[in-house]
Amino acid sequence: MDMQFMENEQSSRPLCLISGGSSGIGLATAQLFASHGYDISICGRSATKLLEAKNLILEANPSVECLSLPADFNDVEQAQLVANE
């Protein structure tokens, strides 16, 4: 599988955007990519759960950047805001 990632403007590491990143498979995926040196942007509906997930990711991977973006992708405008971020 050929996977392409955006370059992070603040670092030379690739950036991975994960929706549903505050729990379950999304959080596990974010943790996996972070453990391989990727900067992470996680999205989800709960700002509180996103902050908890961000703290878990950074605790285990202090050298990466992790951005949490509260958004409900059922709302097209919110999804567009995340895409523009």
C-alpha atoms as a PDB file:
ATOM      1  CA  MET A   1       0.000   0.000   0.000  1.00  0.00           C
ATOM      2  CA  ASP A   2       1.436   3.378  -1.003  1.00  0.00           C
ATOM      3  CA  MET A   3       0.704   5.887   1.769  1.00  0.00           C
ATOM      4  CA  GLN A   4       1.430   9.576   1.432  1.00  0.00           C
ATOM      5  CA  PHE A   5       1.504  12.023   4.328  1.00  0.00           C
ATOM      6  CA  MET A   6       1.571  15.786   4.497  1.00  0.00           C
ATOM      7  CA  GLU A   7       4.764  17.413   5.667  1.00  0.00           C
ATOM      8  CA  ASN A   8       4.306  19.267   8.909  1.00  0.00           C
ATOM      9  CA  GLU A   9       5.103  22.963   8.445  1.00  0.00           C
ATOM     10  CA  GLN A  10       6.696  23.147  11.920  1.00  0.00           C
ATOM     11  CA  SER A  11       8.884  20.046  11.606  1.00  0.00           C
ATOM     12  CA  SER A  12      10.377  17.651   9.097  1.00  0.00           C
ATOM     13  CA  ARG A  13       8.281  14.736  10.424  1.00  0.00           C
ATOM     14  CA  PRO A  14       5.245  13.563   8.456  1.00  0.00           C
ATOM     15  CA  LEU A  15       1.838  14.502   9.819  1.00  0.00           C
ATOM     16  CA  CYS A  16      -1.006  12.020  10.234  1.00  0.00           C
ATOM     17  CA  LEU A  17      -4.635  13.168  10.695  1.00  0.00           C
ATOM     18  CA  ILE A  18      -6.853  10.665  12.521  1.00  0.00           C
ATOM     19  CA  SER A  19     -10.586  11.091  12.994  1.00  0.00           C
ATOM     20  CA  GLY A  20     -12.057   9.384  16.028  1.00  0.00           C
ATOM     21  CA  GLY A  21      -8.648   9.729  17.658  1.00  0.00           C
ATOM     22  CA  SER A  22      -9.872  10.165  21.210  1.00  0.00           C
ATOM     23  CA  SER A  23     -10.596   6.475  21.891  1.00  0.00           C
ATOM     24  CA  GLY A  24     -10.669   2.939  20.562  1.00  0.00           C
ATOM     25  CA  ILE A  25      -9.110   2.118  17.206  1.00  0.00           C
ATOM     26  CA  GLY A  26      -8.544   5.792  16.409  1.00  0.00           C
ATOM     27  CA  LEU A  27      -6.509   6.349  19.573  1.00  0.00           C
ATOM     28  CA  ALA A  28      -4.580   3.110  19.041  1.00  0.00           C
ATOM     29  CA  THR A  29      -3.784   4.206  15.484  1.00  0.00           C
ATOM     30  CA  ALA A  30      -2.614   7.623  16.693  1.00  0.00           C
ATOM     31  CA  GLN A  31      -0.403   5.994  19.328  1.00  0.00           C
ATOM     32  CA  LEU A  32       1.077   3.635  16.728  1.00  0.00           C
ATOM     33  CA  PHE A  33       1.942   6.419  14.278  1.00  0.00           C
ATOM     34  CA  ALA A  34       3.346   8.585  17.086  1.00  0.00           C
ATOM     35  CA  SER A  35       5.541   5.687  18.224  1.00  0.00           C
ATOM     36  CA  HIS A  36       7.012   5.664  14.705  1.00  0.00           C
ATOM     37  CA  GLY A  37       7.826   9.378  14.881  1.00  0.00           C
ATOM     38  CA  TYR A  38       4.835  10.882  13.110  1.00  0.00           C
ATOM     39  CA  ASP A  39       3.306  14.141  14.284  1.00  0.00           C
ATOM     40  CA  ILE A  40      -0.383  13.604  14.974  1.00  0.00           C
ATOM     41  CA  SER A  41      -3.604  15.551  14.586  1.00  0.00           C
ATOM     42  CA  ILE A  42      -6.528  13.834  16.273  1.00  0.00           C
ATOM     43  CA  CYS A  43     -10.166  14.767  15.757  1.00  0.00           C
ATOM     44  CA  GLY A  44     -13.248  13.818  17.712  1.00  0.00           C
ATOM     45  CA  ARG A  45     -16.441  15.239  19.146  1.00  0.00           C
ATOM     46  CA  SER A  46     -15.377  15.504  22.798  1.00  0.00           C
ATOM     47  CA  ALA A  47     -12.746  18.130  23.621  1.00  0.00           C
ATOM     48  CA  THR A  48     -12.252  16.521  27.041  1.00  0.00           C
ATOM     49  CA  LYS A  49     -11.577  13.053  25.604  1.00  0.00           C
ATOM     50  CA  LEU A  50      -9.297  14.550  22.966  1.00  0.00           C
ATOM     51  CA  LEU A  51      -7.212  16.277  25.628  1.00  0.00           C
ATOM     52  CA  GLU A  52      -6.923  13.007  27.569  1.00  0.00           C
ATOM     53  CA  ALA A  53      -5.874  11.189  24.390  1.00  0.00           C
ATOM     54  CA  LYS A  54      -3.378  13.923  23.503  1.00  0.00           C
ATOM     55  CA  ASN A  55      -1.810  13.633  26.956  1.00  0.00           C
ATOM     56  CA  LEU A  56      -1.508   9.836  26.590  1.00  0.00           C
ATOM     57  CA  ILE A  57       0.129  10.189  23.180  1.00  0.00           C
ATOM     58  CA  LEU A  58       2.599  12.848  24.336  1.00  0.00           C
ATOM     59  CA  GLU A  59       3.406  11.013  27.563  1.00  0.00           C
ATOM     60  CA  ALA A  60       4.565   7.996  25.591  1.00  0.00           C
ATOM     61  CA  ASN A  61       6.058  10.009  22.705  1.00  0.00           C
ATOM     62  CA  PRO A  62       7.380  13.350  23.984  1.00  0.00           C
ATOM     63  CA  SER A  63       9.335  14.129  20.808  1.00  0.00           C
ATOM     64  CA  VAL A  64       6.263  14.347  18.528  1.00  0.00           C
ATOM     65  CA  GLU A  65       3.698  17.090  18.136  1.00  0.00           C
ATOM     66  CA  CYS A  66       0.044  16.296  18.791  1.00  0.00           C
ATOM     67  CA  LEU A  67      -2.790  18.628  17.876  1.00  0.00           C
ATOM     68  CA  SER A  68      -6.338  17.906  19.067  1.00  0.00           C
ATOM     69  CA  LEU A  69      -9.193  19.281  17.002  1.00  0.00           C
ATOM     70  CA  PRO A  70     -12.729  18.978  18.381  1.00  0.00           C
ATOM     71  CA  ALA A  71     -15.061  18.389  15.435  1.00  0.00           C
ATOM     72  CA  ASP A  72     -18.087  16.353  14.413  1.00  0.00           C
ATOM     73  CA  PHE A  73     -17.494  15.040  10.896  1.00  0.00           C
ATOM     74  CA  ASN A  74     -21.247  14.566  10.443  1.00  0.00           C
ATOM     75  CA  ASP A  75     -21.252  18.361  10.059  1.00  0.00           C
ATOM     76  CA  VAL A  76     -19.701  19.230   6.689  1.00  0.00           C
ATOM     77  CA  GLU A  77     -18.673  22.709   7.854  1.00  0.00           C
ATOM     78  CA  GLN A  78     -16.750  21.293  10.816  1.00  0.00           C
ATOM     79  CA  ALA A  79     -15.026  18.750   8.586  1.00  0.00           C
ATOM     80  CA  GLN A  80     -14.026  21.539   6.206  1.00  0.00           C
ATOM     81  CA  LEU A  81     -12.602  23.595   9.084  1.00  0.00           C
ATOM     82  CA  VAL A  82     -10.421  20.649  10.114  1.00  0.00           C
ATOM     83  CA  ALA A  83      -9.272  20.146   6.511  1.00  0.00           C
ATOM     84  CA  ASN A  84      -8.256  23.803   6.325  1.00  0.00           C
ATOM     85  CA  GLU A  85      -6.388  23.608   9.643  1.00  0.00           C
END
